[in-house]
Amino acid sequence: MARELPDYLPTGMKSAADLSALTNQYRELKVTGVDLVNLCGAGELGYGTLQNQPGLNEAAQIMRTGQSKGLSGAAFAVSAKLMCDANGKYITATSGNHVVAQALEAATGADQLVTIEKMVTAVPLA
């Protein structure tokens, strides 16, 4: 069962798009402008995991570090290093892409909520 252990939840960031659909919660976000975030794209440098469902220009609650629920984009194993897919979901990291989390639970397929440990790195996986 997915769980959360928050560590750092920054304030002041707003959604650059309408992310109010429940299916957007627990996906990875990226910074898109001054105080603006949107869903992370494939292999991009992530900022944190979305914790709420903000509409356009509404406050986004983001878990930057700690343990969070994460929405899988494909199957992965416990302990896998994770990156974003094209929709901000978590998948196994591949060479040349940014690692944004580590799996603390396995996912057997897409669209499963699992526990992840946030990892902030500016260096892509070798």
N, C-alpha and C. Protein backbone atom coordinates (compact mmCIF):
# COMPACT_ATOMS: atom_id res chain seq x y z
N MET A 1 0.85 -1.18 0.00
CA MET A 1 0.00 0.00 0.00
C MET A 1 0.89 1.24 0.00
N ALA A 2 0.64 2.14 -0.91
CA ALA A 2 1.45 3.36 -1.03
C ALA A 2 1.29 4.23 0.21
N ARG A 3 2.40 4.85 0.61
CA ARG A 3 2.39 5.71 1.81
C ARG A 3 3.20 6.97 1.53
N GLU A 4 3.11 7.92 2.46
CA GLU A 4 3.86 9.17 2.32
C GLU A 4 4.56 9.51 3.62
N LEU A 5 5.75 10.09 3.49
CA LEU A 5 6.52 10.60 4.61
C LEU A 5 7.14 11.90 4.13
N PRO A 6 6.39 13.01 4.22
CA PRO A 6 6.86 14.28 3.66
C PRO A 6 8.11 14.79 4.35
N ASP A 7 8.95 15.45 3.58
CA ASP A 7 10.16 16.06 4.12
C ASP A 7 10.16 17.55 3.78
N TYR A 8 10.05 17.87 2.50
CA TYR A 8 10.10 19.27 2.08
C TYR A 8 8.98 19.55 1.10
N LEU A 9 8.08 20.45 1.50
CA LEU A 9 6.94 20.84 0.68
C LEU A 9 6.99 22.35 0.45
N PRO A 10 7.63 22.79 -0.66
CA PRO A 10 7.75 24.23 -0.89
C PRO A 10 6.39 24.87 -1.16
N THR A 11 6.31 26.16 -0.90
CA THR A 11 5.07 26.89 -1.17
C THR A 11 5.34 27.96 -2.23
N GLY A 12 4.28 28.49 -2.78
CA GLY A 12 4.41 29.60 -3.72
C GLY A 12 4.39 29.21 -5.19
N MET A 13 4.38 27.91 -5.50
CA MET A 13 4.34 27.48 -6.90
C MET A 13 2.89 27.34 -7.34
N LYS A 14 2.62 27.73 -8.59
CA LYS A 14 1.28 27.62 -9.15
C LYS A 14 1.32 26.75 -10.41
N SER A 15 0.17 26.19 -10.71
CA SER A 15 0.05 25.32 -11.87
C SER A 15 -0.04 26.15 -13.15
N ALA A 16 0.79 25.80 -14.14
CA ALA A 16 0.78 26.49 -15.43
C ALA A 16 -0.30 25.93 -16.36
N ALA A 17 -1.00 24.89 -15.90
CA ALA A 17 -2.07 24.26 -16.68
C ALA A 17 -3.14 23.78 -15.72
N ASP A 18 -4.27 23.38 -16.25
CA ASP A 18 -5.33 22.81 -15.41
C ASP A 18 -4.97 21.37 -15.08
N LEU A 19 -4.59 21.13 -13.84
CA LEU A 19 -4.22 19.79 -13.38
C LEU A 19 -5.25 19.27 -12.38
N SER A 20 -6.49 19.75 -12.50
CA SER A 20 -7.52 19.43 -11.52
C SER A 20 -8.05 18.00 -11.63
N ALA A 21 -7.78 17.31 -12.72
CA ALA A 21 -8.24 15.92 -12.84
C ALA A 21 -7.50 15.06 -11.82
N LEU A 22 -8.23 14.18 -11.16
CA LEU A 22 -7.64 13.30 -10.15
C LEU A 22 -6.48 12.50 -10.71
N THR A 23 -6.52 12.19 -12.00
CA THR A 23 -5.47 11.38 -12.62
C THR A 23 -4.12 12.11 -12.71
N ASN A 24 -4.07 13.41 -12.46
CA ASN A 24 -2.80 14.15 -12.47
C ASN A 24 -2.09 14.12 -11.13
N GLN A 25 -2.82 13.81 -10.07
CA GLN A 25 -2.21 13.76 -8.74
C GLN A 25 -1.17 12.64 -8.68
N TYR A 26 -0.08 12.90 -7.98
CA TYR A 26 1.03 11.98 -7.76
C TYR A 26 1.88 11.74 -9.01
N ARG A 27 1.88 12.70 -9.92
CA ARG A 27 2.78 12.68 -11.06
C ARG A 27 3.90 13.69 -10.80
N GLU A 28 5.00 13.55 -11.55
CA GLU A 28 6.15 14.45 -11.40
C GLU A 28 5.89 15.77 -12.12
N LEU A 29 6.35 16.86 -11.49
CA LEU A 29 6.23 18.20 -12.07
C LEU A 29 7.61 18.74 -12.42
N LYS A 30 7.62 19.71 -13.32
CA LYS A 30 8.84 20.44 -13.66
C LYS A 30 8.53 21.93 -13.55
N VAL A 31 9.56 22.73 -13.39
CA VAL A 31 9.41 24.19 -13.37
C VAL A 31 9.32 24.66 -14.82
N THR A 32 8.30 25.48 -15.10
CA THR A 32 8.10 25.97 -16.47
C THR A 32 8.21 27.49 -16.59
N GLY A 33 8.32 28.17 -15.47
CA GLY A 33 8.43 29.63 -15.46
C GLY A 33 8.59 30.09 -14.02
N VAL A 34 8.58 31.39 -13.83
CA VAL A 34 8.71 31.94 -12.48
C VAL A 34 7.50 31.52 -11.66
N ASP A 35 7.75 30.72 -10.63
CA ASP A 35 6.71 30.21 -9.72
C ASP A 35 5.65 29.38 -10.43
N LEU A 36 5.98 28.77 -11.58
CA LEU A 36 5.02 27.95 -12.33
C LEU A 36 5.55 26.54 -12.53
N VAL A 37 4.65 25.56 -12.42
CA VAL A 37 4.99 24.16 -12.66
C VAL A 37 3.96 23.53 -13.58
N ASN A 38 4.39 22.45 -14.26
CA ASN A 38 3.50 21.67 -15.11
C ASN A 38 4.04 20.24 -15.10
N LEU A 39 3.31 19.32 -15.72
CA LEU A 39 3.74 17.93 -15.75
C LEU A 39 5.10 17.80 -16.42
N CYS A 40 5.93 16.96 -15.86
CA CYS A 40 7.26 16.68 -16.37
C CYS A 40 7.15 15.82 -17.63
N GLY A 41 8.05 16.04 -18.57
CA GLY A 41 8.10 15.24 -19.79
C GLY A 41 9.13 14.14 -19.69
N ALA A 42 9.20 13.32 -20.70
CA ALA A 42 10.07 12.15 -20.71
C ALA A 42 11.53 12.50 -20.42
N GLY A 43 12.05 11.95 -19.33
CA GLY A 43 13.46 12.11 -18.98
C GLY A 43 13.88 13.48 -18.50
N GLU A 44 12.94 14.41 -18.37
CA GLU A 44 13.28 15.78 -17.97
C GLU A 44 13.65 15.87 -16.49
N LEU A 45 14.30 16.96 -16.14
CA LEU A 45 14.62 17.24 -14.75
C LEU A 45 13.34 17.58 -14.00
N GLY A 46 13.00 16.78 -13.01
CA GLY A 46 11.77 17.00 -12.24
C GLY A 46 11.99 17.96 -11.09
N TYR A 47 10.89 18.50 -10.58
CA TYR A 47 10.93 19.40 -9.43
C TYR A 47 10.34 18.75 -8.19
N GLY A 48 9.29 17.94 -8.36
CA GLY A 48 8.64 17.30 -7.23
C GLY A 48 7.35 16.62 -7.66
N THR A 49 6.73 15.92 -6.70
CA THR A 49 5.51 15.16 -6.96
C THR A 49 4.28 15.97 -6.58
N LEU A 50 3.32 16.06 -7.49
CA LEU A 50 2.08 16.80 -7.25
C LEU A 50 1.24 16.09 -6.19
N GLN A 51 0.83 16.82 -5.15
CA GLN A 51 0.07 16.25 -4.05
C GLN A 51 -1.41 16.62 -4.06
N ASN A 52 -1.80 17.59 -4.89
CA ASN A 52 -3.20 18.02 -4.94
C ASN A 52 -3.67 18.05 -6.39
N GLN A 53 -4.80 18.70 -6.64
CA GLN A 53 -5.35 18.80 -8.00
C GLN A 53 -5.65 20.26 -8.32
N PRO A 54 -4.61 21.07 -8.59
CA PRO A 54 -4.85 22.49 -8.83
C PRO A 54 -5.38 22.77 -10.24
N GLY A 55 -6.23 23.77 -10.32
CA GLY A 55 -6.65 24.29 -11.61
C GLY A 55 -5.59 25.24 -12.13
N LEU A 56 -5.82 25.79 -13.30
CA LEU A 56 -4.89 26.74 -13.90
C LEU A 56 -4.61 27.89 -12.95
N ASN A 57 -3.34 28.18 -12.71
CA ASN A 57 -2.88 29.29 -11.87
C ASN A 57 -3.27 29.15 -10.39
N GLU A 58 -3.58 27.94 -9.97
CA GLU A 58 -3.88 27.69 -8.55
C GLU A 58 -2.64 27.10 -7.88
N ALA A 59 -2.59 27.21 -6.56
CA ALA A 59 -1.45 26.71 -5.79
C ALA A 59 -1.27 25.21 -5.96
N ALA A 60 -0.05 24.81 -6.29
CA ALA A 60 0.30 23.40 -6.42
C ALA A 60 1.02 22.95 -5.16
N GLN A 61 0.53 21.90 -4.52
CA GLN A 61 1.20 21.32 -3.38
C GLN A 61 2.17 20.28 -3.92
N ILE A 62 3.44 20.45 -3.62
CA ILE A 62 4.49 19.64 -4.23
C ILE A 62 5.36 19.02 -3.16
N MET A 63 5.60 17.70 -3.26
CA MET A 63 6.56 17.07 -2.38
C MET A 63 7.90 17.03 -3.11
N ARG A 64 8.84 17.77 -2.57
CA ARG A 64 10.16 17.91 -3.19
C ARG A 64 11.11 16.81 -2.73
N THR A 65 11.09 16.48 -1.44
CA THR A 65 11.91 15.40 -0.90
C THR A 65 11.09 14.59 0.09
N GLY A 66 11.53 13.39 0.35
CA GLY A 66 10.82 12.50 1.25
C GLY A 66 10.15 11.37 0.48
N GLN A 67 9.29 10.63 1.17
CA GLN A 67 8.56 9.54 0.54
C GLN A 67 7.18 10.02 0.13
N SER A 68 6.79 9.69 -1.08
CA SER A 68 5.51 10.11 -1.64
C SER A 68 4.85 8.95 -2.35
N LYS A 69 3.58 9.09 -2.59
CA LYS A 69 2.91 8.21 -3.53
C LYS A 69 3.33 8.67 -4.92
N GLY A 70 3.44 7.73 -5.84
CA GLY A 70 3.79 8.05 -7.21
C GLY A 70 2.96 7.20 -8.16
N LEU A 71 2.56 7.76 -9.29
CA LEU A 71 1.74 7.04 -10.27
C LEU A 71 2.66 6.42 -11.32
N SER A 72 2.61 5.10 -11.44
CA SER A 72 3.49 4.40 -12.38
C SER A 72 3.02 4.56 -13.82
N GLY A 73 4.01 4.58 -14.73
CA GLY A 73 3.71 4.61 -16.16
C GLY A 73 3.95 3.27 -16.81
N ALA A 74 4.58 2.36 -16.07
CA ALA A 74 4.88 1.00 -16.55
C ALA A 74 5.33 0.19 -15.34
N ALA A 75 5.54 -1.09 -15.55
CA ALA A 75 6.03 -1.96 -14.47
C ALA A 75 7.48 -1.60 -14.13
N PHE A 76 7.82 -1.68 -12.84
CA PHE A 76 9.21 -1.54 -12.40
C PHE A 76 9.39 -2.28 -11.09
N ALA A 77 10.64 -2.56 -10.76
CA ALA A 77 10.98 -3.34 -9.57
C ALA A 77 11.23 -2.44 -8.37
N VAL A 78 11.14 -3.04 -7.18
CA VAL A 78 11.54 -2.34 -5.96
C VAL A 78 12.99 -1.92 -6.13
N SER A 79 13.32 -0.72 -5.69
CA SER A 79 14.67 -0.17 -5.71
C SER A 79 15.08 0.41 -7.06
N ALA A 80 14.22 0.31 -8.07
CA ALA A 80 14.54 0.86 -9.39
C ALA A 80 14.70 2.38 -9.31
N LYS A 81 15.67 2.91 -10.06
CA LYS A 81 15.77 4.35 -10.23
C LYS A 81 14.71 4.74 -11.24
N LEU A 82 13.98 5.83 -10.94
CA LEU A 82 12.84 6.21 -11.77
C LEU A 82 13.03 7.56 -12.44
N MET A 83 12.49 7.67 -13.64
CA MET A 83 12.43 8.92 -14.39
C MET A 83 10.97 9.16 -14.76
N CYS A 84 10.71 10.28 -15.42
CA CYS A 84 9.35 10.59 -15.89
C CYS A 84 9.14 10.04 -17.29
N ASP A 85 7.92 9.62 -17.58
CA ASP A 85 7.57 9.34 -18.96
C ASP A 85 7.02 10.64 -19.55
N ALA A 86 6.48 10.62 -20.74
CA ALA A 86 6.00 11.83 -21.42
C ALA A 86 4.83 12.48 -20.70
N ASN A 87 4.20 11.78 -19.75
CA ASN A 87 3.03 12.29 -19.04
C ASN A 87 3.27 12.51 -17.55
N GLY A 88 4.54 12.53 -17.13
CA GLY A 88 4.85 12.77 -15.73
C GLY A 88 4.70 11.56 -14.83
N LYS A 89 4.42 10.39 -15.41
CA LYS A 89 4.33 9.16 -14.62
C LYS A 89 5.73 8.58 -14.44
N TYR A 90 5.88 7.72 -13.44
CA TYR A 90 7.18 7.16 -13.10
C TYR A 90 7.44 5.85 -13.83
N ILE A 91 8.62 5.76 -14.47
CA ILE A 91 9.07 4.56 -15.16
C ILE A 91 10.54 4.32 -14.84
N THR A 92 11.05 3.13 -15.15
CA THR A 92 12.46 2.83 -14.92
C THR A 92 13.34 3.78 -15.71
N ALA A 93 14.33 4.37 -15.04
CA ALA A 93 15.23 5.33 -15.69
C ALA A 93 16.14 4.63 -16.69
N THR A 94 16.40 5.34 -17.78
CA THR A 94 17.31 4.85 -18.80
C THR A 94 18.43 5.86 -18.99
N SER A 95 19.50 5.43 -19.59
CA SER A 95 20.70 6.24 -19.79
C SER A 95 20.38 7.59 -20.45
N GLY A 96 20.99 8.65 -19.91
CA GLY A 96 20.83 9.98 -20.47
C GLY A 96 19.63 10.75 -19.94
N ASN A 97 18.84 10.13 -19.06
CA ASN A 97 17.64 10.78 -18.51
C ASN A 97 17.81 11.06 -17.02
N HIS A 98 17.09 12.05 -16.53
CA HIS A 98 17.19 12.45 -15.12
C HIS A 98 16.45 11.48 -14.21
N VAL A 99 17.12 11.04 -13.16
CA VAL A 99 16.49 10.22 -12.13
C VAL A 99 15.79 11.16 -11.16
N VAL A 100 14.49 10.91 -10.91
CA VAL A 100 13.73 11.78 -10.02
C VAL A 100 13.28 11.08 -8.74
N ALA A 101 13.39 9.73 -8.71
CA ALA A 101 12.93 9.00 -7.54
C ALA A 101 13.49 7.59 -7.56
N GLN A 102 13.31 6.89 -6.43
CA GLN A 102 13.63 5.48 -6.33
C GLN A 102 12.38 4.76 -5.86
N ALA A 103 12.09 3.60 -6.45
CA ALA A 103 10.91 2.82 -6.10
C ALA A 103 11.10 2.12 -4.76
N LEU A 104 10.19 2.33 -3.83
CA LEU A 104 10.19 1.61 -2.57
C LEU A 104 9.17 0.47 -2.59
N GLU A 105 8.37 0.44 -3.65
CA GLU A 105 7.43 -0.65 -3.93
C GLU A 105 7.49 -0.93 -5.42
N ALA A 106 7.21 -2.16 -5.80
CA ALA A 106 7.18 -2.52 -7.22
C ALA A 106 5.84 -2.12 -7.84
N ALA A 107 5.86 -1.85 -9.13
CA ALA A 107 4.63 -1.64 -9.91
C ALA A 107 4.55 -2.77 -10.92
N THR A 108 3.39 -3.39 -11.05
CA THR A 108 3.23 -4.49 -11.99
C THR A 108 2.71 -4.01 -13.34
N GLY A 109 2.45 -2.70 -13.45
CA GLY A 109 1.96 -2.11 -14.69
C GLY A 109 1.73 -0.63 -14.52
N ALA A 110 1.09 -0.03 -15.51
CA ALA A 110 0.81 1.42 -15.48
C ALA A 110 -0.35 1.75 -14.54
N ASP A 111 -0.35 3.01 -14.11
CA ASP A 111 -1.43 3.59 -13.32
C ASP A 111 -1.64 2.95 -11.95
N GLN A 112 -0.53 2.54 -11.32
CA GLN A 112 -0.58 2.05 -9.96
C GLN A 112 0.06 3.07 -9.03
N LEU A 113 -0.55 3.26 -7.87
CA LEU A 113 0.04 4.14 -6.85
C LEU A 113 1.01 3.31 -6.02
N VAL A 114 2.26 3.74 -6.00
CA VAL A 114 3.30 3.06 -5.24
C VAL A 114 4.08 4.09 -4.43
N THR A 115 4.82 3.61 -3.44
CA THR A 115 5.65 4.50 -2.63
C THR A 115 6.98 4.72 -3.33
N ILE A 116 7.37 5.99 -3.44
CA ILE A 116 8.65 6.36 -4.03
C ILE A 116 9.41 7.25 -3.06
N GLU A 117 10.72 7.24 -3.18
CA GLU A 117 11.59 8.15 -2.43
C GLU A 117 12.08 9.19 -3.42
N LYS A 118 11.77 10.45 -3.16
CA LYS A 118 12.18 11.52 -4.08
C LYS A 118 13.69 11.66 -4.10
N MET A 119 14.25 11.82 -5.30
CA MET A 119 15.69 12.03 -5.49
C MET A 119 15.85 13.20 -6.43
N VAL A 120 16.50 14.24 -5.96
CA VAL A 120 16.70 15.41 -6.79
C VAL A 120 18.13 15.39 -7.32
N THR A 121 18.27 15.26 -8.62
CA THR A 121 19.59 15.24 -9.24
C THR A 121 19.57 16.08 -10.51
N ALA A 122 20.62 16.82 -10.72
CA ALA A 122 20.72 17.62 -11.94
C ALA A 122 21.56 16.91 -13.00
N VAL A 123 22.04 15.71 -12.66
CA VAL A 123 22.90 14.97 -13.58
C VAL A 123 22.11 13.77 -14.13
N PRO A 124 22.00 13.64 -15.46
CA PRO A 124 21.31 12.48 -16.03
C PRO A 124 22.02 11.18 -15.69
N LEU A 125 21.28 10.10 -15.71
CA LEU A 125 21.82 8.76 -15.47
C LEU A 125 22.82 8.43 -16.56
N ALA A 126 23.98 7.93 -16.17
CA ALA A 126 25.03 7.60 -17.15
C ALA A 126 24.69 6.34 -17.90
